[in-house]
């Protein structure tokens, strides 16, 4: 609590973590039903971040989402390095995510498949994402 005289000491400021309790997406049925929390909420947040093109939707801040559309038509070597950087940048905007690493890539004619490990306060897990090139 900040004293009324507007003077305060750094040890008096408390940083509170926001809960991750949120609505639950049911992608297979195309519905939103119930709620989710903890690691499942983090995984859902990652799914949403990685599937929202950054700067395309006014409802989201410019820190939300990922930029992938401009990678279409670029050389694979460039795409690999950019995907790693962009995924890391996009996901670490969420304060529940500590780091992202262990990237591995495979490619076919028009798509790069990337898998990586996400480290959170609640546990680590692997994610896979396909990106059109």
N, C-alpha and C. Protein backbone atom coordinates (compact mmCIF):
# COMPACT_ATOMS: atom_id res chain seq x y z
N UNK A 1 0.84 -1.18 0.00
CA UNK A 1 0.00 0.00 0.00
C UNK A 1 0.88 1.24 0.00
N UNK A 2 0.56 2.20 -0.82
CA UNK A 2 1.33 3.44 -0.90
C UNK A 2 0.77 4.42 0.11
N UNK A 3 1.66 4.99 0.96
CA UNK A 3 1.18 5.97 1.95
C UNK A 3 0.52 7.17 1.28
N UNK A 4 -0.34 7.85 2.02
CA UNK A 4 -1.10 8.96 1.47
C UNK A 4 -0.24 10.16 1.10
N UNK A 5 0.95 10.29 1.70
CA UNK A 5 1.79 11.44 1.40
C UNK A 5 2.63 11.24 0.14
N UNK A 6 2.35 10.21 -0.62
CA UNK A 6 3.00 9.89 -1.89
C UNK A 6 4.48 9.55 -1.77
N UNK A 7 4.98 9.42 -0.55
CA UNK A 7 6.36 8.93 -0.40
C UNK A 7 6.27 7.46 0.00
N UNK A 8 7.15 6.67 -0.56
CA UNK A 8 7.12 5.24 -0.26
C UNK A 8 8.52 4.68 -0.41
N UNK A 9 8.71 3.53 0.16
CA UNK A 9 9.98 2.82 0.07
C UNK A 9 9.78 1.63 -0.86
N UNK A 10 10.83 1.24 -1.54
CA UNK A 10 10.76 0.14 -2.49
C UNK A 10 10.31 -1.15 -1.83
N UNK A 11 10.66 -1.36 -0.56
CA UNK A 11 10.26 -2.60 0.11
C UNK A 11 8.79 -2.61 0.51
N UNK A 12 8.09 -1.52 0.30
CA UNK A 12 6.66 -1.46 0.61
C UNK A 12 5.78 -1.78 -0.59
N UNK A 13 6.38 -1.88 -1.77
CA UNK A 13 5.62 -2.16 -2.98
C UNK A 13 5.53 -3.67 -3.16
N UNK A 14 4.33 -4.16 -3.35
CA UNK A 14 4.13 -5.58 -3.59
C UNK A 14 3.66 -5.77 -5.02
N UNK A 15 4.28 -6.73 -5.69
CA UNK A 15 3.86 -7.07 -7.05
C UNK A 15 2.99 -8.31 -6.95
N UNK A 16 1.77 -8.20 -7.44
CA UNK A 16 0.84 -9.30 -7.38
C UNK A 16 0.74 -9.98 -8.73
N UNK A 17 0.78 -11.29 -8.73
CA UNK A 17 0.57 -12.04 -9.97
C UNK A 17 -0.91 -12.15 -10.24
N UNK A 18 -1.28 -11.94 -11.49
CA UNK A 18 -2.67 -12.09 -11.86
C UNK A 18 -2.99 -13.57 -12.04
N UNK A 19 -4.18 -13.98 -11.68
CA UNK A 19 -4.54 -15.40 -11.87
C UNK A 19 -4.66 -15.72 -13.36
N UNK A 20 -4.44 -16.97 -13.70
CA UNK A 20 -4.55 -17.36 -15.10
C UNK A 20 -5.90 -18.00 -15.41
N UNK A 21 -6.80 -17.97 -14.47
CA UNK A 21 -8.14 -18.53 -14.62
C UNK A 21 -8.85 -17.81 -15.77
N UNK A 22 -9.28 -18.57 -16.78
CA UNK A 22 -9.89 -17.97 -17.95
C UNK A 22 -10.90 -18.93 -18.58
N UNK A 23 -11.60 -18.48 -19.58
CA UNK A 23 -12.56 -19.32 -20.29
C UNK A 23 -11.82 -20.44 -21.02
N UNK A 24 -12.51 -21.55 -21.29
CA UNK A 24 -11.88 -22.69 -21.96
C UNK A 24 -12.37 -22.80 -23.40
N UNK A 25 -11.42 -22.85 -24.31
CA UNK A 25 -11.73 -23.02 -25.73
C UNK A 25 -11.86 -24.50 -26.04
N UNK A 26 -12.88 -24.85 -26.78
CA UNK A 26 -13.06 -26.22 -27.28
C UNK A 26 -12.98 -26.11 -28.80
N UNK A 27 -11.77 -26.20 -29.32
CA UNK A 27 -11.54 -25.96 -30.74
C UNK A 27 -12.23 -26.98 -31.64
N UNK A 28 -12.26 -28.22 -31.20
CA UNK A 28 -12.88 -29.26 -32.02
C UNK A 28 -14.37 -28.99 -32.24
N UNK A 29 -15.04 -28.49 -31.22
CA UNK A 29 -16.47 -28.21 -31.32
C UNK A 29 -16.75 -26.76 -31.72
N UNK A 30 -15.72 -25.93 -31.75
CA UNK A 30 -15.91 -24.53 -32.10
C UNK A 30 -16.70 -23.78 -31.05
N UNK A 31 -16.43 -24.09 -29.77
CA UNK A 31 -17.19 -23.44 -28.71
C UNK A 31 -16.28 -23.00 -27.57
N UNK A 32 -16.84 -22.15 -26.73
CA UNK A 32 -16.19 -21.72 -25.50
C UNK A 32 -17.12 -22.13 -24.38
N UNK A 33 -16.60 -23.01 -23.51
CA UNK A 33 -17.47 -23.55 -22.46
C UNK A 33 -16.60 -23.87 -21.25
N UNK A 34 -16.99 -23.38 -20.09
CA UNK A 34 -16.27 -23.67 -18.87
C UNK A 34 -15.05 -22.79 -18.70
N UNK A 35 -14.22 -23.19 -17.75
CA UNK A 35 -13.03 -22.41 -17.42
C UNK A 35 -11.82 -23.32 -17.29
N UNK A 36 -10.65 -22.72 -17.36
CA UNK A 36 -9.40 -23.46 -17.28
C UNK A 36 -8.42 -22.62 -16.46
N UNK A 37 -7.47 -23.27 -15.79
CA UNK A 37 -6.50 -22.57 -14.96
C UNK A 37 -5.18 -23.32 -15.01
N UNK A 38 -4.16 -22.73 -14.45
CA UNK A 38 -2.86 -23.39 -14.32
C UNK A 38 -2.18 -23.63 -15.65
N UNK A 39 -1.52 -24.78 -15.76
CA UNK A 39 -0.75 -25.12 -16.95
C UNK A 39 -1.63 -25.20 -18.20
N UNK A 40 -2.84 -25.69 -18.05
CA UNK A 40 -3.77 -25.75 -19.20
C UNK A 40 -4.09 -24.35 -19.71
N UNK A 41 -4.21 -23.37 -18.83
CA UNK A 41 -4.48 -21.99 -19.24
C UNK A 41 -3.27 -21.40 -19.97
N UNK A 42 -2.07 -21.75 -19.52
CA UNK A 42 -0.86 -21.27 -20.20
C UNK A 42 -0.77 -21.86 -21.60
N UNK A 43 -1.05 -23.16 -21.73
CA UNK A 43 -1.02 -23.79 -23.05
C UNK A 43 -2.04 -23.16 -23.99
N UNK A 44 -3.20 -22.84 -23.47
CA UNK A 44 -4.23 -22.19 -24.28
C UNK A 44 -3.78 -20.79 -24.68
N UNK A 45 -3.14 -20.06 -23.77
CA UNK A 45 -2.64 -18.73 -24.09
C UNK A 45 -1.58 -18.80 -25.19
N UNK A 46 -0.71 -19.80 -25.13
CA UNK A 46 0.31 -19.99 -26.16
C UNK A 46 -0.34 -20.26 -27.51
N UNK A 47 -1.35 -21.12 -27.52
CA UNK A 47 -2.07 -21.40 -28.76
C UNK A 47 -2.63 -20.10 -29.35
N UNK A 48 -3.24 -19.28 -28.51
CA UNK A 48 -3.84 -18.04 -28.99
C UNK A 48 -2.78 -17.07 -29.50
N UNK A 49 -1.67 -16.94 -28.80
CA UNK A 49 -0.60 -16.03 -29.22
C UNK A 49 -0.04 -16.46 -30.57
N UNK A 50 0.23 -17.77 -30.72
CA UNK A 50 0.86 -18.27 -31.94
C UNK A 50 -0.10 -18.31 -33.14
N UNK A 51 -1.37 -18.10 -32.89
CA UNK A 51 -2.35 -18.11 -33.98
C UNK A 51 -3.00 -16.74 -34.19
N UNK A 52 -2.39 -15.70 -33.60
CA UNK A 52 -2.87 -14.33 -33.78
C UNK A 52 -1.77 -13.53 -34.45
N UNK A 53 -2.01 -13.09 -35.66
CA UNK A 53 -1.02 -12.28 -36.37
C UNK A 53 -0.93 -10.92 -35.69
N UNK A 54 0.26 -10.59 -35.27
CA UNK A 54 0.51 -9.34 -34.55
C UNK A 54 0.16 -8.13 -35.43
N UNK A 55 -0.41 -7.11 -34.82
CA UNK A 55 -0.80 -5.83 -35.45
C UNK A 55 -2.05 -5.92 -36.32
N UNK A 56 -2.66 -7.10 -36.49
CA UNK A 56 -3.83 -7.23 -37.37
C UNK A 56 -5.15 -6.93 -36.68
N UNK A 57 -5.19 -6.94 -35.36
CA UNK A 57 -6.46 -6.81 -34.64
C UNK A 57 -6.35 -5.68 -33.62
N UNK A 58 -7.18 -4.69 -33.78
CA UNK A 58 -7.14 -3.52 -32.90
C UNK A 58 -7.45 -3.85 -31.45
N UNK A 59 -8.15 -4.93 -31.21
CA UNK A 59 -8.53 -5.29 -29.85
C UNK A 59 -7.31 -5.68 -29.00
N UNK A 60 -6.23 -6.16 -29.65
CA UNK A 60 -5.04 -6.59 -28.93
C UNK A 60 -3.98 -5.49 -28.92
N UNK A 61 -3.18 -5.46 -27.85
CA UNK A 61 -2.06 -4.52 -27.81
C UNK A 61 -1.03 -4.92 -28.86
N UNK A 62 -0.14 -4.02 -29.18
CA UNK A 62 0.89 -4.32 -30.18
C UNK A 62 1.91 -5.32 -29.65
N UNK A 63 1.87 -5.65 -28.38
CA UNK A 63 2.77 -6.66 -27.80
C UNK A 63 2.19 -8.07 -27.92
N UNK A 64 0.97 -8.20 -28.41
CA UNK A 64 0.29 -9.50 -28.43
C UNK A 64 0.32 -10.11 -29.82
N UNK A 65 0.60 -11.39 -29.88
CA UNK A 65 0.59 -12.11 -31.15
C UNK A 65 1.98 -12.30 -31.70
N UNK A 66 2.03 -12.78 -32.94
CA UNK A 66 3.30 -13.08 -33.60
C UNK A 66 3.23 -12.65 -35.06
N UNK A 67 4.35 -12.24 -35.59
CA UNK A 67 4.43 -11.83 -37.00
C UNK A 67 4.96 -13.00 -37.82
N UNK A 68 4.10 -13.59 -38.64
CA UNK A 68 4.53 -14.72 -39.47
C UNK A 68 4.23 -14.52 -40.95
N UNK A 69 3.23 -13.73 -41.27
CA UNK A 69 2.81 -13.59 -42.67
C UNK A 69 3.91 -13.09 -43.59
N UNK A 70 4.80 -12.24 -43.09
CA UNK A 70 5.85 -11.70 -43.95
C UNK A 70 6.97 -12.70 -44.23
N UNK A 71 6.90 -13.90 -43.65
CA UNK A 71 7.91 -14.93 -43.91
C UNK A 71 7.60 -15.74 -45.17
N UNK A 72 6.39 -15.61 -45.68
CA UNK A 72 5.99 -16.35 -46.88
C UNK A 72 6.88 -15.92 -48.05
N UNK A 73 7.49 -16.90 -48.72
CA UNK A 73 8.34 -16.64 -49.87
C UNK A 73 9.80 -16.40 -49.53
N UNK A 74 10.15 -16.36 -48.26
CA UNK A 74 11.53 -16.12 -47.85
C UNK A 74 12.33 -17.43 -47.85
N UNK A 75 13.66 -17.38 -47.96
CA UNK A 75 14.49 -18.59 -47.92
C UNK A 75 14.38 -19.30 -46.57
N UNK A 76 14.46 -20.62 -46.60
CA UNK A 76 14.29 -21.42 -45.38
C UNK A 76 15.28 -21.05 -44.28
N UNK A 77 16.53 -20.81 -44.62
CA UNK A 77 17.53 -20.47 -43.60
C UNK A 77 17.12 -19.20 -42.85
N UNK A 78 16.62 -18.21 -43.57
CA UNK A 78 16.15 -16.98 -42.95
C UNK A 78 14.92 -17.26 -42.08
N UNK A 79 14.00 -18.05 -42.60
CA UNK A 79 12.76 -18.36 -41.89
C UNK A 79 13.07 -19.06 -40.56
N UNK A 80 14.00 -20.01 -40.58
CA UNK A 80 14.36 -20.73 -39.35
C UNK A 80 14.80 -19.78 -38.24
N UNK A 81 15.72 -18.90 -38.57
CA UNK A 81 16.23 -17.98 -37.54
C UNK A 81 15.16 -17.00 -37.09
N UNK A 82 14.36 -16.52 -38.03
CA UNK A 82 13.31 -15.56 -37.68
C UNK A 82 12.20 -16.20 -36.85
N UNK A 83 11.80 -17.42 -37.20
CA UNK A 83 10.75 -18.09 -36.42
C UNK A 83 11.20 -18.27 -34.97
N UNK A 84 12.42 -18.69 -34.78
CA UNK A 84 12.92 -18.87 -33.42
C UNK A 84 12.87 -17.56 -32.63
N UNK A 85 13.37 -16.50 -33.23
CA UNK A 85 13.36 -15.20 -32.56
C UNK A 85 11.94 -14.70 -32.30
N UNK A 86 11.08 -14.83 -33.30
CA UNK A 86 9.73 -14.30 -33.17
C UNK A 86 8.88 -15.09 -32.18
N UNK A 87 9.04 -16.40 -32.16
CA UNK A 87 8.29 -17.20 -31.18
C UNK A 87 8.75 -16.85 -29.77
N UNK A 88 10.05 -16.76 -29.58
CA UNK A 88 10.58 -16.42 -28.27
C UNK A 88 10.08 -15.05 -27.83
N UNK A 89 10.14 -14.07 -28.71
CA UNK A 89 9.68 -12.72 -28.39
C UNK A 89 8.18 -12.69 -28.07
N UNK A 90 7.40 -13.38 -28.87
CA UNK A 90 5.94 -13.38 -28.67
C UNK A 90 5.54 -14.04 -27.36
N UNK A 91 6.14 -15.18 -27.06
CA UNK A 91 5.72 -15.93 -25.88
C UNK A 91 6.24 -15.34 -24.58
N UNK A 92 7.41 -14.75 -24.59
CA UNK A 92 7.94 -14.20 -23.34
C UNK A 92 7.30 -12.87 -22.96
N UNK A 93 6.37 -12.37 -23.77
CA UNK A 93 5.55 -11.23 -23.36
C UNK A 93 4.63 -11.63 -22.20
N UNK A 94 4.31 -12.92 -22.12
CA UNK A 94 3.47 -13.46 -21.05
C UNK A 94 4.38 -13.74 -19.85
N UNK A 95 4.11 -13.09 -18.73
CA UNK A 95 5.01 -13.23 -17.58
C UNK A 95 4.98 -14.61 -16.93
N UNK A 96 4.08 -15.48 -17.33
CA UNK A 96 4.07 -16.86 -16.83
C UNK A 96 5.10 -17.73 -17.55
N UNK A 97 5.61 -17.25 -18.68
CA UNK A 97 6.56 -18.01 -19.48
C UNK A 97 7.97 -17.49 -19.18
N UNK A 98 8.82 -18.39 -18.64
CA UNK A 98 10.18 -18.01 -18.28
C UNK A 98 11.10 -17.95 -19.49
N UNK A 99 11.04 -19.00 -20.34
CA UNK A 99 11.92 -19.04 -21.50
C UNK A 99 11.39 -20.04 -22.52
N UNK A 100 11.98 -19.99 -23.71
CA UNK A 100 11.64 -20.88 -24.81
C UNK A 100 12.96 -21.32 -25.42
N UNK A 101 13.13 -22.64 -25.64
CA UNK A 101 14.38 -23.12 -26.21
C UNK A 101 14.18 -24.47 -26.90
N UNK A 102 15.29 -25.12 -27.25
CA UNK A 102 15.31 -26.44 -27.89
C UNK A 102 14.50 -26.46 -29.19
N UNK A 103 14.73 -25.49 -30.03
CA UNK A 103 14.03 -25.40 -31.31
C UNK A 103 14.57 -26.45 -32.27
N UNK A 104 13.67 -27.10 -32.98
CA UNK A 104 14.06 -27.99 -34.08
C UNK A 104 13.10 -27.77 -35.24
N UNK A 105 13.63 -27.91 -36.46
CA UNK A 105 12.88 -27.56 -37.66
C UNK A 105 12.89 -28.70 -38.67
N UNK A 106 11.77 -28.85 -39.35
CA UNK A 106 11.69 -29.68 -40.54
C UNK A 106 10.88 -28.86 -41.54
N UNK A 107 11.08 -29.17 -42.82
CA UNK A 107 10.38 -28.40 -43.84
C UNK A 107 9.92 -29.31 -44.96
N UNK A 108 8.80 -28.94 -45.55
CA UNK A 108 8.37 -29.57 -46.79
C UNK A 108 8.23 -28.45 -47.83
N UNK A 109 7.52 -28.71 -48.87
CA UNK A 109 7.46 -27.77 -50.01
C UNK A 109 7.04 -26.35 -49.60
N UNK A 110 5.98 -26.21 -48.83
CA UNK A 110 5.46 -24.88 -48.52
C UNK A 110 5.23 -24.62 -47.04
N UNK A 111 5.83 -25.44 -46.17
CA UNK A 111 5.61 -25.26 -44.74
C UNK A 111 6.85 -25.64 -43.95
N UNK A 112 7.12 -24.86 -42.92
CA UNK A 112 8.16 -25.18 -41.95
C UNK A 112 7.46 -25.65 -40.68
N UNK A 113 7.91 -26.77 -40.15
CA UNK A 113 7.38 -27.29 -38.89
C UNK A 113 8.44 -27.06 -37.83
N UNK A 114 8.05 -26.40 -36.76
CA UNK A 114 8.98 -26.10 -35.68
C UNK A 114 8.45 -26.71 -34.38
N UNK A 115 9.34 -27.31 -33.62
CA UNK A 115 8.98 -27.76 -32.28
C UNK A 115 9.96 -27.12 -31.32
N UNK A 116 9.49 -26.84 -30.11
CA UNK A 116 10.31 -26.14 -29.13
C UNK A 116 9.78 -26.43 -27.74
N UNK A 117 10.59 -26.13 -26.74
CA UNK A 117 10.21 -26.35 -25.36
C UNK A 117 9.91 -25.01 -24.70
N UNK A 118 8.80 -24.98 -23.97
CA UNK A 118 8.39 -23.79 -23.24
C UNK A 118 8.60 -24.08 -21.75
N UNK A 119 9.28 -23.17 -21.07
CA UNK A 119 9.54 -23.30 -19.63
C UNK A 119 8.67 -22.28 -18.90
N UNK A 120 7.83 -22.77 -18.00
CA UNK A 120 6.94 -21.91 -17.23
C UNK A 120 7.15 -22.16 -15.75
N UNK A 121 6.55 -21.32 -14.94
CA UNK A 121 6.62 -21.50 -13.49
C UNK A 121 5.89 -22.78 -13.05
N UNK A 122 4.99 -23.28 -13.88
CA UNK A 122 4.20 -24.46 -13.54
C UNK A 122 4.69 -25.74 -14.20
N UNK A 123 5.72 -25.65 -15.03
CA UNK A 123 6.25 -26.83 -15.68
C UNK A 123 6.70 -26.54 -17.10
N UNK A 124 7.37 -27.52 -17.69
CA UNK A 124 7.89 -27.41 -19.05
C UNK A 124 7.12 -28.34 -19.96
N UNK A 125 6.99 -27.95 -21.22
CA UNK A 125 6.30 -28.80 -22.20
C UNK A 125 6.75 -28.43 -23.59
N UNK A 126 6.52 -29.34 -24.53
CA UNK A 126 6.91 -29.13 -25.92
C UNK A 126 5.70 -28.69 -26.73
N UNK A 127 5.95 -27.81 -27.67
CA UNK A 127 4.92 -27.27 -28.57
C UNK A 127 5.39 -27.50 -30.01
N UNK A 128 4.45 -27.71 -30.90
CA UNK A 128 4.74 -27.80 -32.33
C UNK A 128 3.88 -26.77 -33.06
N UNK A 129 4.46 -26.18 -34.11
CA UNK A 129 3.74 -25.17 -34.90
C UNK A 129 4.17 -25.29 -36.34
N UNK A 130 3.22 -25.21 -37.24
CA UNK A 130 3.51 -25.18 -38.67
C UNK A 130 3.39 -23.76 -39.18
N UNK A 131 4.32 -23.36 -40.05
CA UNK A 131 4.32 -22.00 -40.59
C UNK A 131 4.44 -22.08 -42.11
N UNK A 132 3.50 -21.45 -42.82
CA UNK A 132 3.57 -21.42 -44.29
C UNK A 132 4.74 -20.54 -44.73
N UNK A 133 5.46 -21.03 -45.74
CA UNK A 133 6.56 -20.22 -46.28
C UNK A 133 6.40 -20.04 -47.78
